[in-house]
Amino acid sequence: MALTDFGAAALRLLDPEIAHRLAILALRIAPLPAPPADDPVLATTVAGLRLSNPVGLAAGLDKNGEALRGLSRLGFGFVECGSVTPRPQPGNPRPRLFRLSEDRAVINRMGFNNAGLEAFAARLARRPAGAVIGANLGANKETEDKAADYVAGLERLKGLADYVTVNVSSPNTPGLRDLQGRAALDDLLGRLAEARAGDRTPVFLKIAPDLTAAEIQLIVEAALDHGIDALIVANTTLDRPDSLKSPQRDEAGGLSGAPLRARATAALRAAAEASSGRLPLIAVGGIGSGADAYERIRAGASAVQVYSALVYEGPGLVGRIKRDLAARLRADGFSTANEAVATGR
């Protein structure tokens, strides 16, 4: 039941973190059938990865890579698991996950709770065949040299994931977002380039939405200088829009879901303008419909990711987004989603 849209509604009656764990358990054990073949019009390519559709799962749902088989059968074009840190850590004290139901939003201050790199790598080694799987890397809270944690993650996961995302934009680990400054970013990306040592696995960089256009320009240039393969725009926000209605709106942590839509779209447009087609972009933040996905693709994204909307819409949302997106692409005369990228800028 937990894998149906009705089941998702039932899970919303529970504490958010308990519901999350039950959803992961259900995805691990449910005998889900393989999804039907995607409409060819949805095909796209990101950093050399061929995707049957551009709708991916954002990191955060499956932090430990426990439910990759189940998630790969929900119809996603790609699935990103993590964030994983080199050493296991419990994360921040509970409560740390909040539904803002009136706003179709979520606030989390999880703090990279995960079982650590070795357990994560062992699960990736048993990943389902045929699925495009990404691994999202984080840094341990107590690590002083956070760049070293990303290097450790990249080296340990060589050959186990289709791409690796360097997450320097979570607001819930002290000092992490400081890595988005040019000097710190040059150090981090330079060390990652050395660690890749000819490994052709694409490396993506995930940034925050709470950046100015000038800051995004600097990040794009740093990413290009150091051979980063794509940019994911954007993570959760520390902003609290005046429109929020939920009594939990002032909880500390990163805000995601529908209220993030405008800010994430603006960040994407800034990245698209700065990169001018030189760096593939993946859009995330407030995407909950085919119209949202199409807007981001037209704004410059080669693919999109969803997460918070699944809390309110259930797993059937993936199919609904794909059907609506396919109809919109055809209505505008596109043969593939790839053709529509940046056509609305």
C-alpha atoms as a PDB file:
ATOM      1  CA  MET A   1       0.000   0.000   0.000  1.00  0.00           C
ATOM      2  CA  ALA A   2       2.846   2.400   0.790  1.00  0.00           C
ATOM      3  CA  LEU A   3       3.893   2.453  -2.856  1.00  0.00           C
ATOM      4  CA  THR A   4       0.556   3.723  -4.170  1.00  0.00           C
ATOM      5  CA  ASP A   5      -0.651   7.306  -4.123  1.00  0.00           C
ATOM      6  CA  PHE A   6      -3.223   6.206  -1.519  1.00  0.00           C
ATOM      7  CA  GLY A   7      -0.397   4.731   0.520  1.00  0.00           C
ATOM      8  CA  ALA A   8       1.500   8.018   0.318  1.00  0.00           C
ATOM      9  CA  ALA A   9      -1.537   9.772   1.777  1.00  0.00           C
ATOM     10  CA  ALA A  10      -1.644   7.235   4.596  1.00  0.00           C
ATOM     11  CA  LEU A  11       2.032   7.784   5.367  1.00  0.00           C
ATOM     12  CA  ARG A  12       1.373  11.496   5.794  1.00  0.00           C
ATOM     13  CA  LEU A  13      -0.632  10.652   8.903  1.00  0.00           C
ATOM     14  CA  LEU A  14       2.581   9.461  10.579  1.00  0.00           C
ATOM     15  CA  ASP A  15       5.584  11.304  11.938  1.00  0.00           C
ATOM     16  CA  PRO A  16       7.589  12.411   8.862  1.00  0.00           C
ATOM     17  CA  GLU A  17      10.751  10.509   9.707  1.00  0.00           C
ATOM     18  CA  ILE A  18       8.870   7.314  10.587  1.00  0.00           C
ATOM     19  CA  ALA A  19       6.951   7.623   7.312  1.00  0.00           C
ATOM     20  CA  HIS A  20      10.231   8.050   5.468  1.00  0.00           C
ATOM     21  CA  ARG A  21      11.672   4.865   6.942  1.00  0.00           C
ATOM     22  CA  LEU A  22       8.506   2.908   6.146  1.00  0.00           C
ATOM     23  CA  ALA A  23       8.601   4.130   2.556  1.00  0.00           C
ATOM     24  CA  ILE A  24      12.202   2.954   2.178  1.00  0.00           C
ATOM     25  CA  LEU A  25      11.281  -0.416   3.714  1.00  0.00           C
ATOM     26  CA  ALA A  26       8.368  -0.812   1.324  1.00  0.00           C
ATOM     27  CA  LEU A  27      10.561   0.041  -1.654  1.00  0.00           C
ATOM     28  CA  ARG A  28      13.097  -2.544  -0.511  1.00  0.00           C
ATOM     29  CA  ILE A  29      10.686  -5.453  -0.195  1.00  0.00           C
ATOM     30  CA  ALA A  30       7.797  -4.763  -2.586  1.00  0.00           C
ATOM     31  CA  PRO A  31       7.908  -6.947  -5.741  1.00  0.00           C
ATOM     32  CA  LEU A  32       7.425  -4.051  -8.154  1.00  0.00           C
ATOM     33  CA  PRO A  33       7.179  -4.839 -11.877  1.00  0.00           C
ATOM     34  CA  ALA A  34       9.518  -3.222 -14.354  1.00  0.00           C
ATOM     35  CA  PRO A  35       8.088   0.076 -15.639  1.00  0.00           C
ATOM     36  CA  PRO A  36       6.818   0.311 -19.219  1.00  0.00           C
ATOM     37  CA  ALA A  37       9.175   1.636 -21.871  1.00  0.00           C
ATOM     38  CA  ASP A  38       9.372   5.412 -21.976  1.00  0.00           C
ATOM     39  CA  ASP A  39       7.921   7.471 -24.791  1.00  0.00           C
ATOM     40  CA  PRO A  40      10.838   8.138 -27.211  1.00  0.00           C
ATOM     41  CA  VAL A  41      10.070  11.869 -27.147  1.00  0.00           C
ATOM     42  CA  LEU A  42      11.316  11.959 -23.532  1.00  0.00           C
ATOM     43  CA  ALA A  43      14.862  10.864 -24.393  1.00  0.00           C
ATOM     44  CA  THR A  44      17.692  13.152 -23.383  1.00  0.00           C
ATOM     45  CA  THR A  45      21.414  13.161 -22.672  1.00  0.00           C
ATOM     46  CA  VAL A  46      23.274  14.673 -19.714  1.00  0.00           C
ATOM     47  CA  ALA A  47      27.068  14.728 -19.636  1.00  0.00           C
ATOM     48  CA  GLY A  48      27.191  11.708 -21.932  1.00  0.00           C
ATOM     49  CA  LEU A  49      24.587   9.755 -19.924  1.00  0.00           C
ATOM     50  CA  ARG A  50      21.728   8.608 -22.118  1.00  0.00           C
ATOM     51  CA  LEU A  51      18.427   8.849 -20.248  1.00  0.00           C
ATOM     52  CA  SER A  52      15.148   7.329 -21.417  1.00  0.00           C
ATOM     53  CA  ASN A  53      13.401  10.251 -19.722  1.00  0.00           C
ATOM     54  CA  PRO A  54      14.624  13.423 -18.004  1.00  0.00           C
ATOM     55  CA  VAL A  55      12.755  12.961 -14.697  1.00  0.00           C
ATOM     56  CA  GLY A  56      15.104  11.892 -11.920  1.00  0.00           C
ATOM     57  CA  LEU A  57      14.920  11.364  -8.185  1.00  0.00           C
ATOM     58  CA  ALA A  58      16.860  13.906  -6.131  1.00  0.00           C
ATOM     59  CA  ALA A  59      19.223  12.852  -3.371  1.00  0.00           C
ATOM     60  CA  GLY A  60      17.894  12.609   0.168  1.00  0.00           C
ATOM     61  CA  LEU A  61      15.170   9.997  -0.112  1.00  0.00           C
ATOM     62  CA  ASP A  62      17.488   6.989  -0.161  1.00  0.00           C
ATOM     63  CA  LYS A  63      20.519   8.182   1.776  1.00  0.00           C
ATOM     64  CA  ASN A  64      22.087   4.744   2.142  1.00  0.00           C
ATOM     65  CA  GLY A  65      21.291   3.181  -1.236  1.00  0.00           C
ATOM     66  CA  GLU A  66      18.946   0.697   0.405  1.00  0.00           C
ATOM     67  CA  ALA A  67      16.047   0.759  -2.050  1.00  0.00           C
ATOM     68  CA  LEU A  68      17.658   1.204  -5.450  1.00  0.00           C
ATOM     69  CA  ARG A  69      15.807  -1.698  -7.050  1.00  0.00           C
ATOM     70  CA  GLY A  70      12.404  -0.424  -5.965  1.00  0.00           C
ATOM     71  CA  LEU A  71      13.170   3.177  -6.850  1.00  0.00           C
ATOM     72  CA  SER A  72      14.460   2.171 -10.282  1.00  0.00           C
ATOM     73  CA  ARG A  73      11.038   0.619 -10.988  1.00  0.00           C
ATOM     74  CA  LEU A  74       9.007   3.764 -10.337  1.00  0.00           C
ATOM     75  CA  GLY A  75       9.718   5.156 -13.808  1.00  0.00           C
ATOM     76  CA  PHE A  76      12.550   7.584 -13.076  1.00  0.00           C
ATOM     77  CA  GLY A  77      15.083   8.247 -15.813  1.00  0.00           C
ATOM     78  CA  PHE A  78      17.794   8.260 -13.156  1.00  0.00           C
ATOM     79  CA  VAL A  79      18.018   7.850  -9.384  1.00  0.00           C
ATOM     80  CA  GLU A  80      20.416   9.724  -7.097  1.00  0.00           C
ATOM     81  CA  CYS A  81      21.132   8.233  -3.680  1.00  0.00           C
ATOM     82  CA  GLY A  82      22.930   9.791  -0.699  1.00  0.00           C
ATOM     83  CA  SER A  83      24.213  12.076   0.644  1.00  0.00           C
ATOM     84  CA  VAL A  84      26.863   9.776   2.022  1.00  0.00           C
ATOM     85  CA  THR A  85      29.784  10.783   4.238  1.00  0.00           C
ATOM     86  CA  PRO A  86      33.020   8.832   4.745  1.00  0.00           C
ATOM     87  CA  ARG A  87      32.165   7.936   8.350  1.00  0.00           C
ATOM     88  CA  PRO A  88      28.709   7.013   9.645  1.00  0.00           C
ATOM     89  CA  GLN A  89      26.973   9.787  11.521  1.00  0.00           C
ATOM     90  CA  PRO A  90      23.591  10.085  13.261  1.00  0.00           C
ATOM     91  CA  GLY A  91      22.752  13.546  11.974  1.00  0.00           C
ATOM     92  CA  ASN A  92      21.068  16.283  13.955  1.00  0.00           C
ATOM     93  CA  PRO A  93      18.756  15.673  16.938  1.00  0.00           C
ATOM     94  CA  ARG A  94      15.093  14.904  16.299  1.00  0.00           C
ATOM     95  CA  PRO A  95      12.693  16.317  15.378  1.00  0.00           C
ATOM     96  CA  ARG A  96      14.485  17.323  12.188  1.00  0.00           C
ATOM     97  CA  LEU A  97      11.957  16.756   9.402  1.00  0.00           C
ATOM     98  CA  PHE A  98       8.757  18.786   9.038  1.00  0.00           C
ATOM     99  CA  ARG A  99       5.867  18.753   6.598  1.00  0.00           C
ATOM    100  CA  LEU A 100       4.413  22.140   5.713  1.00  0.00           C
ATOM    101  CA  SER A 101       1.236  20.661   4.255  1.00  0.00           C
ATOM    102  CA  GLU A 102      -0.508  23.989   3.716  1.00  0.00           C
ATOM    103  CA  ASP A 103       2.434  25.036   1.546  1.00  0.00           C
ATOM    104  CA  ARG A 104       3.195  21.718  -0.188  1.00  0.00           C
ATOM    105  CA  ALA A 105       6.646  22.028   1.313  1.00  0.00           C
ATOM    106  CA  VAL A 106       9.157  20.324   3.594  1.00  0.00           C
ATOM    107  CA  ILE A 107      11.760  21.668   5.998  1.00  0.00           C
ATOM    108  CA  ASN A 108      14.615  19.377   6.947  1.00  0.00           C
ATOM    109  CA  ARG A 109      17.668  19.726   9.136  1.00  0.00           C
ATOM    110  CA  MET A 110      18.689  16.082   8.910  1.00  0.00           C
ATOM    111  CA  GLY A 111      22.428  16.766   8.948  1.00  0.00           C
ATOM    112  CA  PHE A 112      23.691  14.048   6.590  1.00  0.00           C
ATOM    113  CA  ASN A 113      22.488  11.139   8.733  1.00  0.00           C
ATOM    114  CA  ASN A 114      23.801   8.013   7.009  1.00  0.00           C
ATOM    115  CA  ALA A 115      25.522   4.677   7.557  1.00  0.00           C
ATOM    116  CA  GLY A 116      28.814   5.733   5.997  1.00  0.00           C
ATOM    117  CA  LEU A 117      30.765   5.112   2.839  1.00  0.00           C
ATOM    118  CA  GLU A 118      31.582   1.420   3.254  1.00  0.00           C
ATOM    119  CA  ALA A 119      27.959   0.325   3.719  1.00  0.00           C
ATOM    120  CA  PHE A 120      26.936   2.606   0.849  1.00  0.00           C
ATOM    121  CA  ALA A 121      29.589   1.211  -1.500  1.00  0.00           C
ATOM    122  CA  ALA A 122      28.572  -2.355  -0.682  1.00  0.00           C
ATOM    123  CA  ARG A 123      24.985  -1.622  -1.693  1.00  0.00           C
ATOM    124  CA  LEU A 124      26.024   0.160  -4.880  1.00  0.00           C
ATOM    125  CA  ALA A 125      28.037  -2.911  -5.820  1.00  0.00           C
ATOM    126  CA  ARG A 126      24.705  -4.792  -5.913  1.00  0.00           C
ATOM    127  CA  ARG A 127      22.819  -2.072  -7.789  1.00  0.00           C
ATOM    128  CA  PRO A 128      20.094  -3.038 -10.256  1.00  0.00           C
ATOM    129  CA  ALA A 129      21.232  -3.582 -13.833  1.00  0.00           C
ATOM    130  CA  GLY A 130      20.014  -1.159 -16.470  1.00  0.00           C
ATOM    131  CA  ALA A 131      19.210   1.728 -14.093  1.00  0.00           C
ATOM    132  CA  VAL A 132      21.122   5.010 -14.152  1.00  0.00           C
ATOM    133  CA  ILE A 133      22.284   5.530 -10.554  1.00  0.00           C
ATOM    134  CA  GLY A 134      24.046   8.570  -9.138  1.00  0.00           C
ATOM    135  CA  ALA A 135      25.816   8.908  -5.790  1.00  0.00           C
ATOM    136  CA  ASN A 136      25.658  12.149  -3.814  1.00  0.00           C
ATOM    137  CA  LEU A 137      28.701  12.901  -1.637  1.00  0.00           C
ATOM    138  CA  GLY A 138      28.755  14.893   1.594  1.00  0.00           C
ATOM    139  CA  ALA A 139      31.289  15.683   4.301  1.00  0.00           C
ATOM    140  CA  ASN A 140      31.237  14.646   7.950  1.00  0.00           C
ATOM    141  CA  LYS A 141      30.224  17.374  10.376  1.00  0.00           C
ATOM    142  CA  GLU A 142      33.383  17.103  12.484  1.00  0.00           C
ATOM    143  CA  THR A 143      35.824  17.000   9.570  1.00  0.00           C
ATOM    144  CA  GLU A 144      37.985  20.100   9.376  1.00  0.00           C
ATOM    145  CA  ASP A 145      39.317  19.398   5.870  1.00  0.00           C
ATOM    146  CA  LYS A 146      35.965  18.831   4.182  1.00  0.00           C
ATOM    147  CA  ALA A 147      37.511  18.614   0.720  1.00  0.00           C
ATOM    148  CA  ALA A 148      39.327  15.481   1.872  1.00  0.00           C
ATOM    149  CA  ASP A 149      35.978  13.829   2.614  1.00  0.00           C
ATOM    150  CA  TYR A 150      34.785  14.446  -0.935  1.00  0.00           C
ATOM    151  CA  VAL A 151      38.024  13.055  -2.328  1.00  0.00           C
ATOM    152  CA  ALA A 152      37.611   9.945  -0.148  1.00  0.00           C
ATOM    153  CA  GLY A 153      34.075   9.449  -1.403  1.00  0.00           C
ATOM    154  CA  LEU A 154      35.048   9.879  -5.033  1.00  0.00           C
ATOM    155  CA  GLU A 155      37.912   7.403  -4.757  1.00  0.00           C
ATOM    156  CA  ARG A 156      35.881   4.760  -2.889  1.00  0.00           C
ATOM    157  CA  LEU A 157      32.971   4.851  -5.326  1.00  0.00           C
ATOM    158  CA  LYS A 158      34.973   4.571  -8.541  1.00  0.00           C
ATOM    159  CA  GLY A 159      33.194   2.189 -10.881  1.00  0.00           C
ATOM    160  CA  LEU A 160      30.100   1.852  -8.681  1.00  0.00           C
ATOM    161  CA  ALA A 161      27.902   4.747  -9.832  1.00  0.00           C
ATOM    162  CA  ASP A 162      27.014   6.202 -13.222  1.00  0.00           C
ATOM    163  CA  TYR A 163      27.787   9.666 -11.910  1.00  0.00           C
ATOM    164  CA  VAL A 164      28.865  11.290  -8.655  1.00  0.00           C
ATOM    165  CA  THR A 165      27.468  14.540  -7.230  1.00  0.00           C
ATOM    166  CA  VAL A 166      29.536  16.769  -4.974  1.00  0.00           C
ATOM    167  CA  ASN A 167      27.062  18.344  -2.572  1.00  0.00           C
ATOM    168  CA  VAL A 168      28.495  21.610  -1.236  1.00  0.00           C
ATOM    169  CA  SER A 169      25.110  23.219  -0.728  1.00  0.00           C
ATOM    170  CA  SER A 170      23.345  21.535   2.184  1.00  0.00           C
ATOM    171  CA  PRO A 171      22.515  24.176   4.810  1.00  0.00           C
ATOM    172  CA  ASN A 172      22.584  21.633   7.629  1.00  0.00           C
ATOM    173  CA  THR A 173      26.325  20.984   7.966  1.00  0.00           C
ATOM    174  CA  PRO A 174      28.256  23.930   9.448  1.00  0.00           C
ATOM    175  CA  GLY A 175      30.735  25.462   7.024  1.00  0.00           C
ATOM    176  CA  LEU A 176      29.684  23.358   4.043  1.00  0.00           C
ATOM    177  CA  ARG A 177      28.261  26.188   1.951  1.00  0.00           C
ATOM    178  CA  ASP A 178      31.513  28.095   2.410  1.00  0.00           C
ATOM    179  CA  LEU A 179      32.952  25.678  -0.159  1.00  0.00           C
ATOM    180  CA  GLN A 180      30.971  27.547  -2.830  1.00  0.00           C
ATOM    181  CA  GLY A 181      33.371  30.516  -2.577  1.00  0.00           C
ATOM    182  CA  ARG A 182      35.855  30.686  -5.434  1.00  0.00           C
ATOM    183  CA  ALA A 183      39.066  30.044  -3.476  1.00  0.00           C
ATOM    184  CA  ALA A 184      37.637  27.117  -1.514  1.00  0.00           C
ATOM    185  CA  LEU A 185      35.934  25.775  -4.629  1.00  0.00           C
ATOM    186  CA  ASP A 186      39.154  25.908  -6.646  1.00  0.00           C
ATOM    187  CA  ASP A 187      40.901  23.906  -3.925  1.00  0.00           C
ATOM    188  CA  LEU A 188      38.107  21.333  -3.712  1.00  0.00           C
ATOM    189  CA  LEU A 189      37.618  20.891  -7.451  1.00  0.00           C
ATOM    190  CA  GLY A 190      41.354  20.787  -8.102  1.00  0.00           C
ATOM    191  CA  ARG A 191      41.787  17.980  -5.597  1.00  0.00           C
ATOM    192  CA  LEU A 192      38.818  16.121  -7.066  1.00  0.00           C
ATOM    193  CA  ALA A 193      40.298  16.438 -10.558  1.00  0.00           C
ATOM    194  CA  GLU A 194      43.504  14.813  -9.293  1.00  0.00           C
ATOM    195  CA  ALA A 195      41.530  12.055  -7.586  1.00  0.00           C
ATOM    196  CA  ARG A 196      39.633  11.242 -10.770  1.00  0.00           C
ATOM    197  CA  ALA A 197      42.936  10.214 -12.353  1.00  0.00           C
ATOM    198  CA  GLY A 198      41.475   9.528 -15.771  1.00  0.00           C
ATOM    199  CA  ASP A 199      38.239   8.007 -14.459  1.00  0.00           C
ATOM    200  CA  ARG A 200      35.551   8.958 -16.987  1.00  0.00           C
ATOM    201  CA  THR A 201      32.639   8.803 -14.508  1.00  0.00           C
ATOM    202  CA  PRO A 202      30.863  12.180 -14.701  1.00  0.00           C
ATOM    203  CA  VAL A 203      31.150  14.422 -11.656  1.00  0.00           C
ATOM    204  CA  PHE A 204      28.355  16.903 -10.945  1.00  0.00           C
ATOM    205  CA  LEU A 205      28.300  19.844  -8.542  1.00  0.00           C
ATOM    206  CA  LYS A 206      25.151  20.693  -6.563  1.00  0.00           C
ATOM    207  CA  ILE A 207      24.757  24.324  -5.548  1.00  0.00           C
ATOM    208  CA  ALA A 208      22.458  26.360  -3.321  1.00  0.00           C
ATOM    209  CA  PRO A 209      19.598  28.543  -4.567  1.00  0.00           C
ATOM    210  CA  ASP A 210      20.596  31.293  -2.135  1.00  0.00           C
ATOM    211  CA  LEU A 211      23.293  32.693  -4.409  1.00  0.00           C
ATOM    212  CA  THR A 212      23.466  35.860  -6.461  1.00  0.00           C
ATOM    213  CA  ALA A 213      23.835  35.731 -10.230  1.00  0.00           C
ATOM    214  CA  ALA A 214      27.427  36.925  -9.808  1.00  0.00           C
ATOM    215  CA  GLU A 215      28.186  34.098  -7.373  1.00  0.00           C
ATOM    216  CA  ILE A 216      26.660  31.563  -9.747  1.00  0.00           C
ATOM    217  CA  GLN A 217      28.794  32.984 -12.555  1.00  0.00           C
ATOM    218  CA  LEU A 218      31.936  32.363 -10.478  1.00  0.00           C
ATOM    219  CA  ILE A 219      30.831  28.799  -9.677  1.00  0.00           C
ATOM    220  CA  VAL A 220      30.127  28.044 -13.334  1.00  0.00           C
ATOM    221  CA  GLU A 221      33.567  29.303 -14.348  1.00  0.00           C
ATOM    222  CA  ALA A 222      35.240  27.266 -11.599  1.00  0.00           C
ATOM    223  CA  ALA A 223      33.310  24.166 -12.655  1.00  0.00           C
ATOM    224  CA  LEU A 224      34.395  24.632 -16.268  1.00  0.00           C
ATOM    225  CA  ASP A 225      37.999  25.288 -15.285  1.00  0.00           C
ATOM    226  CA  HIS A 226      38.184  22.045 -13.297  1.00  0.00           C
ATOM    227  CA  GLY A 227      36.305  19.717 -15.651  1.00  0.00           C
ATOM    228  CA  ILE A 228      33.048  19.345 -13.732  1.00  0.00           C
ATOM    229  CA  ASP A 229      30.552  17.623 -16.029  1.00  0.00           C
ATOM    230  CA  ALA A 230      27.236  19.190 -14.935  1.00  0.00           C
ATOM    231  CA  LEU A 231      25.677  21.501 -12.375  1.00  0.00           C
ATOM    232  CA  ILE A 232      22.619  20.593 -10.261  1.00  0.00           C
ATOM    233  CA  VAL A 233      20.567  23.713  -9.509  1.00  0.00           C
ATOM    234  CA  ALA A 234      19.564  23.872  -6.688  1.00  0.00           C
ATOM    235  CA  ASN A 235      19.471  22.518  -3.137  1.00  0.00           C
ATOM    236  CA  THR A 236      17.092  23.593  -0.354  1.00  0.00           C
ATOM    237  CA  THR A 237      16.812  27.243   0.673  1.00  0.00           C
ATOM    238  CA  LEU A 238      17.274  29.049   3.965  1.00  0.00           C
ATOM    239  CA  ASP A 239      14.830  31.673   2.778  1.00  0.00           C
ATOM    240  CA  ARG A 240      11.303  31.760   4.221  1.00  0.00           C
ATOM    241  CA  PRO A 241       8.921  33.371   1.725  1.00  0.00           C
ATOM    242  CA  ASP A 242       6.188  35.573   3.207  1.00  0.00           C
ATOM    243  CA  SER A 243       3.635  33.332   1.490  1.00  0.00           C
ATOM    244  CA  LEU A 244       4.258  30.401   3.877  1.00  0.00           C
ATOM    245  CA  LYS A 245       1.140  29.503   5.877  1.00  0.00           C
ATOM    246  CA  SER A 246       2.211  26.477   7.923  1.00  0.00           C
ATOM    247  CA  PRO A 247       2.756  26.941  11.674  1.00  0.00           C
ATOM    248  CA  GLN A 248       6.075  25.106  11.168  1.00  0.00           C
ATOM    249  CA  ARG A 249       7.382  27.676   8.710  1.00  0.00           C
ATOM    250  CA  ASP A 250       9.957  29.028  11.176  1.00  0.00           C
ATOM    251  CA  GLU A 251      11.643  25.700  11.878  1.00  0.00           C
ATOM    252  CA  ALA A 252      15.380  25.798  11.167  1.00  0.00           C
ATOM    253  CA  GLY A 253      16.692  23.918   8.158  1.00  0.00           C
ATOM    254  CA  GLY A 254      16.385  23.816   4.406  1.00  0.00           C
ATOM    255  CA  LEU A 255      13.039  24.515   2.771  1.00  0.00           C
ATOM    256  CA  SER A 256      12.017  22.479  -0.278  1.00  0.00           C
ATOM    257  CA  GLY A 257       8.851  21.943  -2.280  1.00  0.00           C
ATOM    258  CA  ALA A 258       6.506  24.325  -4.037  1.00  0.00           C
ATOM    259  CA  PRO A 259       7.691  27.553  -2.316  1.00  0.00           C
ATOM    260  CA  LEU A 260      11.196  26.953  -3.684  1.00  0.00           C
ATOM    261  CA  ARG A 261       9.990  26.994  -7.303  1.00  0.00           C
ATOM    262  CA  ALA A 262      10.609  30.659  -8.139  1.00  0.00           C
ATOM    263  CA  ARG A 263      13.994  30.873  -6.399  1.00  0.00           C
ATOM    264  CA  ALA A 264      15.264  27.622  -7.947  1.00  0.00           C
ATOM    265  CA  THR A 265      14.088  28.675 -11.399  1.00  0.00           C
ATOM    266  CA  ALA A 266      15.862  32.022 -11.060  1.00  0.00           C
ATOM    267  CA  ALA A 267      19.079  30.250 -10.035  1.00  0.00           C
ATOM    268  CA  LEU A 268      18.744  27.914 -13.022  1.00  0.00           C
ATOM    269  CA  ARG A 269      18.307  30.832 -15.416  1.00  0.00           C
ATOM    270  CA  ALA A 270      21.377  32.510 -13.922  1.00  0.00           C
ATOM    271  CA  ALA A 271      23.397  29.314 -14.395  1.00  0.00           C
ATOM    272  CA  ALA A 272      22.135  28.920 -17.963  1.00  0.00           C
ATOM    273  CA  GLU A 273      23.115  32.487 -18.786  1.00  0.00           C
ATOM    274  CA  ALA A 274      26.545  32.058 -17.196  1.00  0.00           C
ATOM    275  CA  SER A 275      27.271  28.740 -18.872  1.00  0.00           C
ATOM    276  CA  SER A 276      25.877  29.576 -22.339  1.00  0.00           C
ATOM    277  CA  GLY A 277      25.554  25.901 -23.165  1.00  0.00           C
ATOM    278  CA  ARG A 278      29.078  24.999 -22.015  1.00  0.00           C
ATOM    279  CA  LEU A 279      27.919  23.102 -18.917  1.00  0.00           C
ATOM    280  CA  PRO A 280      24.895  20.785 -18.710  1.00  0.00           C
ATOM    281  CA  LEU A 281      22.366  21.711 -16.033  1.00  0.00           C
ATOM    282  CA  ILE A 282      19.976  19.600 -13.944  1.00  0.00           C
ATOM    283  CA  ALA A 283      17.075  21.437 -12.318  1.00  0.00           C
ATOM    284  CA  VAL A 284      15.626  20.623  -8.912  1.00  0.00           C
ATOM    285  CA  GLY A 285      13.454  22.547  -6.474  1.00  0.00           C
ATOM    286  CA  GLY A 286       9.688  22.917  -6.499  1.00  0.00           C
ATOM    287  CA  ILE A 287       9.081  20.640  -9.493  1.00  0.00           C
ATOM    288  CA  GLY A 288       5.691  18.980  -9.115  1.00  0.00           C
ATOM    289  CA  SER A 289       4.138  18.777 -12.591  1.00  0.00           C
ATOM    290  CA  GLY A 290       4.866  18.335 -16.266  1.00  0.00           C
ATOM    291  CA  ALA A 291       4.502  22.091 -16.675  1.00  0.00           C
ATOM    292  CA  ASP A 292       7.202  22.675 -14.045  1.00  0.00           C
ATOM    293  CA  ALA A 293       9.529  20.180 -15.707  1.00  0.00           C
ATOM    294  CA  TYR A 294       8.957  21.693 -19.149  1.00  0.00           C
ATOM    295  CA  GLU A 295       9.606  25.206 -17.864  1.00  0.00           C
ATOM    296  CA  ARG A 296      12.969  24.154 -16.424  1.00  0.00           C
ATOM    297  CA  ILE A 297      13.955  22.314 -19.602  1.00  0.00           C
ATOM    298  CA  ARG A 298      13.072  25.344 -21.730  1.00  0.00           C
ATOM    299  CA  ALA A 299      15.063  27.487 -19.260  1.00  0.00           C
ATOM    300  CA  GLY A 300      18.209  25.424 -19.830  1.00  0.00           C
ATOM    301  CA  ALA A 301      18.000  22.138 -17.904  1.00  0.00           C
ATOM    302  CA  SER A 302      18.790  18.878 -19.661  1.00  0.00           C
ATOM    303  CA  ALA A 303      17.005  16.966 -16.894  1.00  0.00           C
ATOM    304  CA  VAL A 304      15.039  17.589 -13.703  1.00  0.00           C
ATOM    305  CA  GLN A 305      14.809  15.984 -10.277  1.00  0.00           C
ATOM    306  CA  VAL A 306      11.881  15.635  -7.891  1.00  0.00           C
ATOM    307  CA  TYR A 307      11.577  14.725  -4.232  1.00  0.00           C
ATOM    308  CA  SER A 308       9.341  16.839  -1.981  1.00  0.00           C
ATOM    309  CA  ALA A 309       6.399  16.703  -4.386  1.00  0.00           C
ATOM    310  CA  LEU A 310       6.391  12.903  -3.999  1.00  0.00           C
ATOM    311  CA  VAL A 311       5.493  13.382  -0.321  1.00  0.00           C
ATOM    312  CA  TYR A 312       2.195  14.984  -1.335  1.00  0.00           C
ATOM    313  CA  GLU A 313       1.511  13.378  -4.721  1.00  0.00           C
ATOM    314  CA  GLY A 314       2.800   9.838  -4.259  1.00  0.00           C
ATOM    315  CA  PRO A 315       4.883   7.777  -6.706  1.00  0.00           C
ATOM    316  CA  GLY A 316       2.248   8.096  -9.427  1.00  0.00           C
ATOM    317  CA  LEU A 317       3.550  11.640  -9.871  1.00  0.00           C
ATOM    318  CA  VAL A 318       6.471  10.333 -11.935  1.00  0.00           C
ATOM    319  CA  GLY A 319       4.199   8.916 -14.620  1.00  0.00           C
ATOM    320  CA  ARG A 320       1.970  12.000 -14.608  1.00  0.00           C
ATOM    321  CA  ILE A 321       4.933  14.316 -15.127  1.00  0.00           C
ATOM    322  CA  LYS A 322       6.233  12.173 -17.982  1.00  0.00           C
ATOM    323  CA  ARG A 323       2.887  11.976 -19.769  1.00  0.00           C
ATOM    324  CA  ASP A 324       2.280  15.710 -19.506  1.00  0.00           C
ATOM    325  CA  LEU A 325       5.831  16.517 -20.525  1.00  0.00           C
ATOM    326  CA  ALA A 326       5.620  14.237 -23.568  1.00  0.00           C
ATOM    327  CA  ALA A 327       2.406  15.935 -24.668  1.00  0.00           C
ATOM    328  CA  ARG A 328       3.959  19.397 -24.286  1.00  0.00           C
ATOM    329  CA  LEU A 329       7.071  18.413 -26.224  1.00  0.00           C
ATOM    330  CA  ARG A 330       5.033  17.039 -29.105  1.00  0.00           C
ATOM    331  CA  ALA A 331       2.679  20.016 -29.131  1.00  0.00           C
ATOM    332  CA  ASP A 332       5.675  22.299 -29.648  1.00  0.00           C
ATOM    333  CA  GLY A 333       7.168  20.131 -32.380  1.00  0.00           C
ATOM    334  CA  PHE A 334      10.102  18.607 -30.517  1.00  0.00           C
ATOM    335  CA  SER A 335      11.261  15.069 -31.317  1.00  0.00           C
ATOM    336  CA  THR A 336      13.095  14.591 -28.021  1.00  0.00           C
ATOM    337  CA  ALA A 337      13.394  16.397 -24.703  1.00  0.00           C
ATOM    338  CA  ASN A 338      16.999  17.138 -25.630  1.00  0.00           C
ATOM    339  CA  GLU A 339      15.823  19.361 -28.471  1.00  0.00           C
ATOM    340  CA  ALA A 340      13.816  21.548 -26.090  1.00  0.00           C
ATOM    341  CA  VAL A 341      16.722  22.440 -23.788  1.00  0.00           C
ATOM    342  CA  ALA A 342      17.189  26.225 -23.457  1.00  0.00           C
ATOM    343  CA  THR A 343      14.654  27.028 -26.169  1.00  0.00           C
ATOM    344  CA  GLY A 344      12.719  29.310 -23.821  1.00  0.00           C
ATOM    345  CA  ARG A 345      15.598  31.489 -22.653  1.00  0.00           C
END
